[in-house]
N, C-alpha and C. Protein backbone atom coordinates (compact mmCIF):
# COMPACT_ATOMS: atom_id res chain seq x y z
N MET A 1 -50.45 97.77 -96.70
CA MET A 1 -51.63 97.02 -96.30
C MET A 1 -52.44 97.90 -95.35
N GLY A 2 -53.73 98.00 -95.64
CA GLY A 2 -54.61 98.86 -94.87
C GLY A 2 -55.15 98.21 -93.61
N LEU A 3 -55.82 99.02 -92.81
CA LEU A 3 -56.36 98.57 -91.54
C LEU A 3 -57.39 97.45 -91.72
N TRP A 4 -58.26 97.58 -92.73
CA TRP A 4 -59.29 96.56 -92.93
C TRP A 4 -58.68 95.23 -93.37
N GLU A 5 -57.63 95.30 -94.17
CA GLU A 5 -56.95 94.07 -94.59
C GLU A 5 -56.26 93.41 -93.40
N LEU A 6 -55.62 94.22 -92.56
CA LEU A 6 -54.99 93.67 -91.36
C LEU A 6 -56.03 93.08 -90.41
N PHE A 7 -57.18 93.76 -90.31
CA PHE A 7 -58.24 93.24 -89.46
C PHE A 7 -58.77 91.90 -90.00
N ALA A 8 -58.92 91.80 -91.32
CA ALA A 8 -59.37 90.54 -91.91
C ALA A 8 -58.37 89.42 -91.62
N ILE A 9 -57.09 89.72 -91.72
CA ILE A 9 -56.06 88.72 -91.39
C ILE A 9 -56.13 88.36 -89.91
N ALA A 10 -56.31 89.37 -89.05
CA ALA A 10 -56.40 89.12 -87.61
C ALA A 10 -57.57 88.21 -87.29
N VAL A 11 -58.70 88.46 -87.91
CA VAL A 11 -59.88 87.61 -87.69
C VAL A 11 -59.60 86.20 -88.21
N GLY A 12 -59.03 86.09 -89.40
CA GLY A 12 -58.72 84.78 -89.95
C GLY A 12 -57.77 83.99 -89.06
N LEU A 13 -56.73 84.66 -88.57
CA LEU A 13 -55.77 83.98 -87.70
C LEU A 13 -56.39 83.56 -86.37
N SER A 14 -57.35 84.32 -85.89
CA SER A 14 -57.91 84.03 -84.57
C SER A 14 -58.94 82.90 -84.57
N MET A 15 -59.29 82.39 -85.73
CA MET A 15 -60.34 81.37 -85.79
C MET A 15 -59.92 80.04 -85.16
N ASP A 16 -58.65 79.66 -85.25
CA ASP A 16 -58.20 78.45 -84.54
C ASP A 16 -58.37 78.65 -83.03
N ALA A 17 -57.93 79.79 -82.54
CA ALA A 17 -58.07 80.10 -81.11
C ALA A 17 -59.54 80.14 -80.72
N PHE A 18 -60.38 80.67 -81.60
CA PHE A 18 -61.81 80.72 -81.35
C PHE A 18 -62.39 79.31 -81.20
N ALA A 19 -61.99 78.41 -82.10
CA ALA A 19 -62.50 77.04 -82.04
C ALA A 19 -62.07 76.36 -80.75
N VAL A 20 -60.81 76.54 -80.35
CA VAL A 20 -60.33 75.94 -79.10
C VAL A 20 -61.01 76.59 -77.90
N SER A 21 -61.26 77.89 -77.98
CA SER A 21 -61.96 78.60 -76.90
C SER A 21 -63.38 78.07 -76.72
N ILE A 22 -64.02 77.75 -77.82
CA ILE A 22 -65.35 77.14 -77.73
C ILE A 22 -65.23 75.81 -76.98
N GLY A 23 -64.19 75.05 -77.32
CA GLY A 23 -63.95 73.79 -76.61
C GLY A 23 -63.73 74.01 -75.12
N LYS A 24 -62.99 75.05 -74.77
CA LYS A 24 -62.79 75.38 -73.35
C LYS A 24 -64.13 75.71 -72.70
N GLY A 25 -64.96 76.48 -73.41
CA GLY A 25 -66.27 76.82 -72.88
C GLY A 25 -67.16 75.62 -72.68
N LEU A 26 -67.00 74.62 -73.54
CA LEU A 26 -67.78 73.39 -73.41
C LEU A 26 -67.51 72.67 -72.10
N THR A 27 -66.31 72.86 -71.55
CA THR A 27 -65.95 72.15 -70.32
C THR A 27 -66.51 72.84 -69.08
N MET A 28 -67.13 73.99 -69.25
CA MET A 28 -67.63 74.77 -68.12
C MET A 28 -69.16 74.77 -68.11
N PRO A 29 -69.76 74.47 -66.96
CA PRO A 29 -71.23 74.49 -66.91
C PRO A 29 -71.79 75.91 -67.04
N ARG A 30 -71.03 76.90 -66.60
CA ARG A 30 -71.41 78.30 -66.77
C ARG A 30 -70.13 79.11 -66.96
N ILE A 31 -70.26 80.27 -67.55
CA ILE A 31 -69.07 81.07 -67.85
C ILE A 31 -68.43 81.58 -66.57
N ARG A 32 -67.12 81.48 -66.56
CA ARG A 32 -66.31 82.10 -65.52
C ARG A 32 -65.42 83.11 -66.25
N TRP A 33 -65.69 84.39 -66.04
CA TRP A 33 -65.01 85.44 -66.79
C TRP A 33 -63.51 85.41 -66.57
N LYS A 34 -63.08 84.97 -65.39
CA LYS A 34 -61.64 84.85 -65.13
C LYS A 34 -61.02 83.84 -66.10
N HIS A 35 -61.68 82.71 -66.29
CA HIS A 35 -61.17 81.69 -67.22
C HIS A 35 -61.24 82.17 -68.67
N ALA A 36 -62.29 82.91 -68.99
CA ALA A 36 -62.39 83.46 -70.36
C ALA A 36 -61.26 84.45 -70.61
N ALA A 37 -60.95 85.29 -69.61
CA ALA A 37 -59.86 86.26 -69.76
C ALA A 37 -58.50 85.56 -69.85
N VAL A 38 -58.30 84.53 -69.06
CA VAL A 38 -57.04 83.76 -69.12
C VAL A 38 -56.88 83.15 -70.51
N THR A 39 -57.95 82.57 -71.03
CA THR A 39 -57.91 81.98 -72.37
C THR A 39 -57.58 83.06 -73.41
N GLY A 40 -58.26 84.19 -73.33
CA GLY A 40 -58.00 85.29 -74.25
C GLY A 40 -56.57 85.80 -74.18
N LEU A 41 -56.04 85.90 -72.97
CA LEU A 41 -54.65 86.37 -72.82
C LEU A 41 -53.65 85.38 -73.42
N TRP A 42 -53.81 84.10 -73.13
CA TRP A 42 -52.89 83.11 -73.69
C TRP A 42 -52.89 83.18 -75.22
N PHE A 43 -54.08 83.12 -75.80
CA PHE A 43 -54.17 83.09 -77.26
C PHE A 43 -53.80 84.44 -77.87
N GLY A 44 -54.24 85.53 -77.26
CA GLY A 44 -53.94 86.86 -77.79
C GLY A 44 -52.45 87.17 -77.78
N VAL A 45 -51.77 86.85 -76.68
CA VAL A 45 -50.33 87.11 -76.59
C VAL A 45 -49.57 86.28 -77.62
N PHE A 46 -49.89 85.00 -77.72
CA PHE A 46 -49.16 84.17 -78.67
C PHE A 46 -49.46 84.55 -80.12
N GLN A 47 -50.71 84.93 -80.40
CA GLN A 47 -51.05 85.36 -81.77
C GLN A 47 -50.37 86.67 -82.11
N ALA A 48 -49.99 87.47 -81.12
CA ALA A 48 -49.27 88.71 -81.38
C ALA A 48 -47.77 88.48 -81.49
N VAL A 49 -47.22 87.62 -80.66
CA VAL A 49 -45.77 87.39 -80.63
C VAL A 49 -45.30 86.61 -81.87
N MET A 50 -46.06 85.63 -82.28
CA MET A 50 -45.62 84.78 -83.40
C MET A 50 -45.45 85.56 -84.72
N PRO A 51 -46.38 86.44 -85.12
CA PRO A 51 -46.12 87.18 -86.35
C PRO A 51 -44.93 88.13 -86.23
N LEU A 52 -44.69 88.62 -85.02
CA LEU A 52 -43.52 89.47 -84.80
C LEU A 52 -42.24 88.67 -85.04
N LEU A 53 -42.18 87.45 -84.50
CA LEU A 53 -41.03 86.58 -84.75
C LEU A 53 -40.90 86.26 -86.24
N GLY A 54 -42.03 85.95 -86.88
CA GLY A 54 -42.02 85.66 -88.31
C GLY A 54 -41.56 86.85 -89.13
N TYR A 55 -41.97 88.04 -88.71
CA TYR A 55 -41.57 89.27 -89.41
C TYR A 55 -40.06 89.42 -89.37
N PHE A 56 -39.46 89.25 -88.20
CA PHE A 56 -38.01 89.39 -88.09
C PHE A 56 -37.28 88.30 -88.88
N LEU A 57 -37.84 87.11 -88.88
CA LEU A 57 -37.27 86.02 -89.69
C LEU A 57 -37.35 86.36 -91.17
N GLY A 58 -38.51 86.81 -91.62
CA GLY A 58 -38.69 87.18 -93.03
C GLY A 58 -37.84 88.37 -93.43
N ALA A 59 -37.72 89.36 -92.54
CA ALA A 59 -36.92 90.55 -92.85
C ALA A 59 -35.45 90.19 -93.03
N THR A 60 -35.00 89.18 -92.31
CA THR A 60 -33.61 88.73 -92.42
C THR A 60 -33.30 88.23 -93.83
N PHE A 61 -34.27 87.60 -94.45
CA PHE A 61 -34.06 87.00 -95.76
C PHE A 61 -34.73 87.75 -96.91
N SER A 62 -35.37 88.87 -96.62
CA SER A 62 -36.17 89.56 -97.64
C SER A 62 -35.34 90.02 -98.84
N GLY A 63 -34.10 90.41 -98.62
CA GLY A 63 -33.27 90.86 -99.73
C GLY A 63 -33.00 89.78 -100.76
N TYR A 64 -33.02 88.55 -100.32
CA TYR A 64 -32.74 87.42 -101.21
C TYR A 64 -33.94 87.00 -102.05
N ILE A 65 -35.13 87.29 -101.56
CA ILE A 65 -36.32 86.76 -102.24
C ILE A 65 -37.33 87.84 -102.58
N GLN A 66 -36.91 89.10 -102.63
CA GLN A 66 -37.84 90.20 -102.87
C GLN A 66 -38.57 90.09 -104.21
N SER A 67 -37.94 89.51 -105.21
CA SER A 67 -38.58 89.43 -106.53
C SER A 67 -39.76 88.46 -106.55
N VAL A 68 -39.84 87.57 -105.58
CA VAL A 68 -40.94 86.59 -105.55
C VAL A 68 -41.75 86.68 -104.25
N ASP A 69 -41.60 87.80 -103.52
CA ASP A 69 -42.25 87.91 -102.22
C ASP A 69 -43.77 87.80 -102.30
N HIS A 70 -44.38 88.34 -103.36
CA HIS A 70 -45.83 88.26 -103.51
C HIS A 70 -46.29 86.81 -103.71
N TRP A 71 -45.48 86.02 -104.40
CA TRP A 71 -45.80 84.60 -104.58
C TRP A 71 -45.67 83.86 -103.25
N ILE A 72 -44.67 84.21 -102.46
CA ILE A 72 -44.49 83.57 -101.15
C ILE A 72 -45.70 83.89 -100.26
N ALA A 73 -46.12 85.16 -100.23
CA ALA A 73 -47.29 85.55 -99.43
C ALA A 73 -48.52 84.78 -99.90
N PHE A 74 -48.70 84.71 -101.22
CA PHE A 74 -49.85 84.00 -101.79
C PHE A 74 -49.84 82.51 -101.40
N VAL A 75 -48.70 81.87 -101.55
CA VAL A 75 -48.59 80.44 -101.25
C VAL A 75 -48.78 80.18 -99.75
N LEU A 76 -48.09 80.96 -98.90
CA LEU A 76 -48.22 80.73 -97.46
C LEU A 76 -49.64 80.95 -96.97
N LEU A 77 -50.25 82.07 -97.34
CA LEU A 77 -51.62 82.33 -96.91
C LEU A 77 -52.59 81.30 -97.49
N GLY A 78 -52.35 80.91 -98.75
CA GLY A 78 -53.20 79.89 -99.36
C GLY A 78 -53.09 78.54 -98.67
N LEU A 79 -51.86 78.14 -98.33
CA LEU A 79 -51.67 76.86 -97.64
C LEU A 79 -52.27 76.87 -96.24
N ILE A 80 -52.01 77.96 -95.51
CA ILE A 80 -52.55 78.06 -94.15
C ILE A 80 -54.08 78.07 -94.20
N GLY A 81 -54.64 78.90 -95.07
CA GLY A 81 -56.09 78.98 -95.18
C GLY A 81 -56.71 77.69 -95.67
N GLY A 82 -56.07 77.09 -96.68
CA GLY A 82 -56.57 75.80 -97.19
C GLY A 82 -56.55 74.72 -96.13
N ASN A 83 -55.49 74.70 -95.32
CA ASN A 83 -55.40 73.71 -94.25
C ASN A 83 -56.49 73.95 -93.20
N MET A 84 -56.76 75.21 -92.88
CA MET A 84 -57.84 75.51 -91.93
C MET A 84 -59.19 75.06 -92.47
N ILE A 85 -59.42 75.28 -93.76
CA ILE A 85 -60.68 74.85 -94.37
C ILE A 85 -60.79 73.33 -94.33
N ARG A 86 -59.70 72.65 -94.69
CA ARG A 86 -59.68 71.18 -94.65
C ARG A 86 -59.96 70.66 -93.25
N GLU A 87 -59.30 71.25 -92.25
CA GLU A 87 -59.50 70.81 -90.87
C GLU A 87 -60.92 71.05 -90.39
N SER A 88 -61.58 72.08 -90.92
CA SER A 88 -62.95 72.36 -90.49
C SER A 88 -63.92 71.27 -90.92
N PHE A 89 -63.55 70.52 -91.97
CA PHE A 89 -64.40 69.43 -92.44
C PHE A 89 -63.97 68.07 -91.89
N SER A 90 -62.89 68.05 -91.13
CA SER A 90 -62.37 66.81 -90.56
C SER A 90 -63.31 66.33 -89.46
N ALA A 91 -63.47 65.02 -89.38
CA ALA A 91 -64.36 64.44 -88.38
C ALA A 91 -63.77 64.53 -86.98
N GLU A 92 -62.43 64.55 -86.89
CA GLU A 92 -61.84 64.59 -85.55
C GLU A 92 -61.69 66.03 -85.09
N GLY A 93 -62.23 66.32 -83.93
CA GLY A 93 -62.13 67.67 -83.37
C GLY A 93 -60.85 67.80 -82.56
N GLU A 94 -60.56 69.03 -82.15
CA GLU A 94 -59.40 69.25 -81.32
C GLU A 94 -59.73 68.81 -79.91
N LEU A 95 -58.78 68.13 -79.28
CA LEU A 95 -58.98 67.69 -77.91
C LEU A 95 -58.69 68.86 -76.98
N VAL A 96 -59.69 69.23 -76.21
CA VAL A 96 -59.56 70.34 -75.28
C VAL A 96 -60.06 69.87 -73.93
N ASP A 97 -59.20 70.03 -72.90
CA ASP A 97 -59.67 69.66 -71.58
C ASP A 97 -60.06 70.92 -70.82
N GLY A 98 -60.58 70.74 -69.62
CA GLY A 98 -61.10 71.85 -68.85
C GLY A 98 -60.08 72.60 -68.03
N SER A 99 -58.82 72.24 -68.08
CA SER A 99 -57.80 72.89 -67.27
C SER A 99 -57.35 74.21 -67.88
N PHE A 100 -57.13 75.19 -67.02
CA PHE A 100 -56.59 76.48 -67.44
C PHE A 100 -55.18 76.69 -66.92
N ALA A 101 -54.55 75.61 -66.47
CA ALA A 101 -53.19 75.65 -65.95
C ALA A 101 -52.21 75.96 -67.09
N PRO A 102 -51.12 76.65 -66.77
CA PRO A 102 -50.14 77.01 -67.81
C PRO A 102 -49.64 75.82 -68.63
N LEU A 103 -49.44 74.67 -68.02
CA LEU A 103 -48.95 73.51 -68.77
C LEU A 103 -49.99 72.97 -69.75
N ARG A 104 -51.25 73.30 -69.54
CA ARG A 104 -52.32 72.91 -70.48
C ARG A 104 -52.55 73.99 -71.53
N MET A 105 -52.43 75.25 -71.13
CA MET A 105 -52.70 76.37 -72.04
C MET A 105 -51.55 76.62 -73.01
N LEU A 106 -50.31 76.45 -72.57
CA LEU A 106 -49.15 76.73 -73.41
C LEU A 106 -49.17 75.94 -74.73
N PRO A 107 -49.35 74.62 -74.69
CA PRO A 107 -49.38 73.91 -75.98
C PRO A 107 -50.53 74.34 -76.89
N LEU A 108 -51.67 74.68 -76.31
CA LEU A 108 -52.80 75.14 -77.13
C LEU A 108 -52.49 76.50 -77.75
N ALA A 109 -51.87 77.38 -76.98
CA ALA A 109 -51.53 78.71 -77.50
C ALA A 109 -50.49 78.61 -78.61
N VAL A 110 -49.51 77.74 -78.44
CA VAL A 110 -48.49 77.56 -79.49
C VAL A 110 -49.13 76.95 -80.72
N ALA A 111 -49.92 75.90 -80.53
CA ALA A 111 -50.52 75.20 -81.67
C ALA A 111 -51.44 76.10 -82.49
N THR A 112 -52.19 76.98 -81.82
CA THR A 112 -53.11 77.83 -82.55
C THR A 112 -52.43 79.05 -83.16
N SER A 113 -51.15 79.27 -82.85
CA SER A 113 -50.48 80.47 -83.37
C SER A 113 -49.35 80.17 -84.35
N ILE A 114 -49.13 78.92 -84.69
CA ILE A 114 -48.07 78.58 -85.65
C ILE A 114 -48.34 79.25 -87.00
N ASP A 115 -49.59 79.27 -87.42
CA ASP A 115 -49.91 79.92 -88.70
C ASP A 115 -49.61 81.42 -88.65
N ALA A 116 -49.71 82.03 -87.48
CA ALA A 116 -49.40 83.46 -87.34
C ALA A 116 -47.91 83.71 -87.58
N LEU A 117 -47.07 82.75 -87.25
CA LEU A 117 -45.63 82.87 -87.53
C LEU A 117 -45.40 82.99 -89.03
N ALA A 118 -46.05 82.14 -89.80
CA ALA A 118 -45.91 82.18 -91.26
C ALA A 118 -46.48 83.47 -91.84
N VAL A 119 -47.59 83.95 -91.28
CA VAL A 119 -48.15 85.22 -91.75
C VAL A 119 -47.17 86.35 -91.45
N GLY A 120 -46.50 86.30 -90.31
CA GLY A 120 -45.50 87.29 -89.98
C GLY A 120 -44.38 87.35 -90.99
N VAL A 121 -44.00 86.18 -91.54
CA VAL A 121 -42.98 86.14 -92.59
C VAL A 121 -43.49 86.93 -93.81
N THR A 122 -44.74 86.77 -94.15
CA THR A 122 -45.28 87.51 -95.30
C THR A 122 -45.32 89.01 -95.02
N PHE A 123 -45.54 89.41 -93.77
CA PHE A 123 -45.55 90.83 -93.42
C PHE A 123 -44.21 91.49 -93.73
N ALA A 124 -43.13 90.73 -93.65
CA ALA A 124 -41.81 91.29 -93.92
C ALA A 124 -41.66 91.72 -95.37
N PHE A 125 -42.46 91.15 -96.27
CA PHE A 125 -42.37 91.46 -97.69
C PHE A 125 -43.39 92.51 -98.12
N LEU A 126 -44.28 92.87 -97.23
CA LEU A 126 -45.34 93.81 -97.54
C LEU A 126 -45.11 95.10 -96.76
N GLN A 127 -45.80 96.14 -97.13
CA GLN A 127 -45.70 97.39 -96.39
C GLN A 127 -46.67 97.33 -95.22
N VAL A 128 -46.16 96.85 -94.09
CA VAL A 128 -46.98 96.65 -92.91
C VAL A 128 -46.31 97.32 -91.71
N ASP A 129 -47.07 98.10 -90.97
CA ASP A 129 -46.59 98.61 -89.69
C ASP A 129 -46.71 97.44 -88.72
N ILE A 130 -45.58 96.77 -88.47
CA ILE A 130 -45.61 95.50 -87.74
C ILE A 130 -46.13 95.66 -86.32
N LEU A 131 -45.80 96.74 -85.65
CA LEU A 131 -46.28 96.91 -84.28
C LEU A 131 -47.79 97.08 -84.24
N ALA A 132 -48.33 97.86 -85.15
CA ALA A 132 -49.79 98.01 -85.23
C ALA A 132 -50.45 96.69 -85.60
N ALA A 133 -49.82 95.96 -86.51
CA ALA A 133 -50.38 94.68 -86.96
C ALA A 133 -50.43 93.67 -85.82
N VAL A 134 -49.33 93.52 -85.08
CA VAL A 134 -49.33 92.52 -84.01
C VAL A 134 -50.25 92.94 -82.86
N LEU A 135 -50.35 94.23 -82.62
CA LEU A 135 -51.28 94.70 -81.59
C LEU A 135 -52.72 94.40 -82.00
N LEU A 136 -53.05 94.68 -83.25
CA LEU A 136 -54.40 94.39 -83.75
C LEU A 136 -54.70 92.89 -83.71
N ILE A 137 -53.74 92.08 -84.12
CA ILE A 137 -53.93 90.62 -84.11
C ILE A 137 -54.13 90.13 -82.67
N GLY A 138 -53.31 90.62 -81.74
CA GLY A 138 -53.42 90.20 -80.34
C GLY A 138 -54.74 90.59 -79.71
N VAL A 139 -55.15 91.85 -79.91
CA VAL A 139 -56.40 92.34 -79.32
C VAL A 139 -57.60 91.63 -79.95
N THR A 140 -57.56 91.45 -81.25
CA THR A 140 -58.66 90.75 -81.94
C THR A 140 -58.77 89.32 -81.44
N THR A 141 -57.64 88.63 -81.34
CA THR A 141 -57.66 87.25 -80.87
C THR A 141 -58.15 87.17 -79.43
N PHE A 142 -57.70 88.11 -78.59
CA PHE A 142 -58.18 88.14 -77.20
C PHE A 142 -59.70 88.22 -77.17
N ALA A 143 -60.26 89.20 -77.88
CA ALA A 143 -61.72 89.41 -77.86
C ALA A 143 -62.47 88.21 -78.43
N ILE A 144 -61.97 87.67 -79.53
CA ILE A 144 -62.65 86.53 -80.15
C ILE A 144 -62.53 85.28 -79.28
N SER A 145 -61.42 85.11 -78.59
CA SER A 145 -61.26 83.96 -77.70
C SER A 145 -62.19 84.05 -76.49
N VAL A 146 -62.31 85.23 -75.91
CA VAL A 146 -63.24 85.42 -74.79
C VAL A 146 -64.67 85.11 -75.27
N ALA A 147 -65.01 85.62 -76.44
CA ALA A 147 -66.34 85.33 -77.00
C ALA A 147 -66.50 83.83 -77.25
N GLY A 148 -65.43 83.17 -77.69
CA GLY A 148 -65.50 81.72 -77.93
C GLY A 148 -65.80 80.93 -76.67
N VAL A 149 -65.20 81.32 -75.55
CA VAL A 149 -65.48 80.64 -74.28
C VAL A 149 -66.96 80.81 -73.93
N LYS A 150 -67.47 82.03 -74.09
CA LYS A 150 -68.88 82.29 -73.80
C LYS A 150 -69.79 81.47 -74.73
N ILE A 151 -69.48 81.48 -76.00
CA ILE A 151 -70.28 80.73 -76.97
C ILE A 151 -70.23 79.23 -76.65
N GLY A 152 -69.06 78.75 -76.26
CA GLY A 152 -68.93 77.34 -75.90
C GLY A 152 -69.80 76.95 -74.73
N THR A 153 -69.93 77.84 -73.74
CA THR A 153 -70.78 77.51 -72.59
C THR A 153 -72.26 77.56 -72.95
N VAL A 154 -72.59 78.33 -73.99
CA VAL A 154 -74.00 78.49 -74.36
C VAL A 154 -74.43 77.55 -75.49
N PHE A 155 -73.67 77.54 -76.57
CA PHE A 155 -74.12 76.85 -77.78
C PHE A 155 -73.41 75.54 -78.09
N GLY A 156 -72.25 75.33 -77.56
CA GLY A 156 -71.55 74.09 -77.82
C GLY A 156 -70.77 74.08 -79.11
N GLU A 157 -70.57 72.88 -79.64
CA GLU A 157 -69.66 72.64 -80.76
C GLU A 157 -70.18 73.12 -82.12
N LYS A 158 -71.38 73.56 -82.20
CA LYS A 158 -72.02 73.89 -83.47
C LYS A 158 -71.23 74.90 -84.31
N PHE A 159 -70.53 75.85 -83.67
CA PHE A 159 -69.91 76.94 -84.41
C PHE A 159 -68.42 76.78 -84.68
N SER A 160 -67.72 75.88 -84.00
CA SER A 160 -66.26 75.86 -84.11
C SER A 160 -65.79 75.50 -85.52
N ALA A 161 -66.38 74.51 -86.17
CA ALA A 161 -65.95 74.13 -87.52
C ALA A 161 -66.25 75.23 -88.54
N LYS A 162 -67.40 75.87 -88.40
CA LYS A 162 -67.75 76.96 -89.32
C LYS A 162 -66.80 78.14 -89.17
N ALA A 163 -66.41 78.42 -87.93
CA ALA A 163 -65.49 79.53 -87.69
C ALA A 163 -64.12 79.23 -88.30
N GLU A 164 -63.64 78.01 -88.15
CA GLU A 164 -62.34 77.65 -88.71
C GLU A 164 -62.38 77.71 -90.24
N CYS A 165 -63.46 77.28 -90.84
CA CYS A 165 -63.61 77.34 -92.29
C CYS A 165 -63.63 78.79 -92.77
N ALA A 166 -64.37 79.64 -92.07
CA ALA A 166 -64.44 81.07 -92.45
C ALA A 166 -63.08 81.73 -92.31
N GLY A 167 -62.35 81.41 -91.26
CA GLY A 167 -61.01 81.96 -91.07
C GLY A 167 -60.06 81.54 -92.17
N GLY A 168 -60.13 80.28 -92.56
CA GLY A 168 -59.30 79.79 -93.66
C GLY A 168 -59.63 80.47 -94.97
N LEU A 169 -60.91 80.65 -95.23
CA LEU A 169 -61.34 81.33 -96.45
C LEU A 169 -60.83 82.77 -96.49
N LEU A 170 -60.89 83.46 -95.35
CA LEU A 170 -60.37 84.83 -95.28
C LEU A 170 -58.88 84.87 -95.63
N LEU A 171 -58.10 83.93 -95.11
CA LEU A 171 -56.66 83.93 -95.38
C LEU A 171 -56.37 83.62 -96.85
N VAL A 172 -57.10 82.69 -97.44
CA VAL A 172 -56.92 82.37 -98.86
C VAL A 172 -57.24 83.61 -99.71
N LEU A 173 -58.33 84.29 -99.39
CA LEU A 173 -58.72 85.49 -100.14
C LEU A 173 -57.69 86.61 -100.00
N MET A 174 -57.12 86.78 -98.80
CA MET A 174 -56.10 87.81 -98.61
C MET A 174 -54.85 87.47 -99.43
N GLY A 175 -54.47 86.20 -99.46
CA GLY A 175 -53.32 85.80 -100.27
C GLY A 175 -53.56 86.07 -101.75
N ALA A 176 -54.75 85.76 -102.23
CA ALA A 176 -55.09 86.02 -103.64
C ALA A 176 -55.09 87.51 -103.93
N LYS A 177 -55.59 88.32 -103.00
CA LYS A 177 -55.61 89.77 -103.18
C LYS A 177 -54.19 90.32 -103.28
N ILE A 178 -53.30 89.86 -102.43
CA ILE A 178 -51.90 90.32 -102.47
C ILE A 178 -51.28 89.99 -103.82
N LEU A 179 -51.48 88.77 -104.30
CA LEU A 179 -50.92 88.37 -105.59
C LEU A 179 -51.52 89.20 -106.72
N LEU A 180 -52.83 89.33 -106.75
CA LEU A 180 -53.49 90.08 -107.83
C LEU A 180 -53.09 91.55 -107.84
N GLU A 181 -52.90 92.15 -106.66
CA GLU A 181 -52.45 93.54 -106.61
C GLU A 181 -51.04 93.66 -107.17
N HIS A 182 -50.17 92.74 -106.81
CA HIS A 182 -48.79 92.82 -107.29
C HIS A 182 -48.70 92.60 -108.80
N LEU A 183 -49.57 91.74 -109.32
CA LEU A 183 -49.58 91.47 -110.75
C LEU A 183 -50.31 92.56 -111.54
N GLY A 184 -50.91 93.53 -110.85
CA GLY A 184 -51.55 94.65 -111.50
C GLY A 184 -53.02 94.47 -111.85
N PHE A 185 -53.65 93.40 -111.36
CA PHE A 185 -55.05 93.17 -111.67
C PHE A 185 -55.99 93.93 -110.76
N LEU A 186 -55.51 94.31 -109.57
CA LEU A 186 -56.30 95.12 -108.64
C LEU A 186 -55.55 96.39 -108.38
N GLY A 187 -56.22 97.50 -108.35
CA GLY A 187 -55.55 98.77 -108.21
C GLY A 187 -55.68 99.34 -106.88
């Protein structure tokens, strides 16, 4: 898997964190860079750690399911992406309060990174430099989350649903690409 493909996955995974970061920004009358950095760190670290855990989990079982690994990657990325697209059209938004305390940030960081755990499982079946991948995912999520806080303070809720839909679409397309490459349709 190349750098651009990993970057596309990183952007797709970070869209949940981006949407929640916009919500955090909505709670602030003006941007506080300290709060934006705290938000970016929480989401970036969890988005990096979860695929690493998923990778080790997937690597443990990869010998048993290697013949269908491309289908697993396709299904997992398709389900995660499809769910993100569905949620982007849902009338109920994510509840985000204005607190940056660890007890408030931890559940948000875990909730926005569960899909990264499943993507990490797919990394175990693909040729991925896992350390480079998790670093790229973490840094990308950090930057996008900081931008989300800023956008939330300026523009409000207008962008969060569109971002989540775009992220889901990216993940679905990456899953389809992996399957089509394995089946020999893409070279």
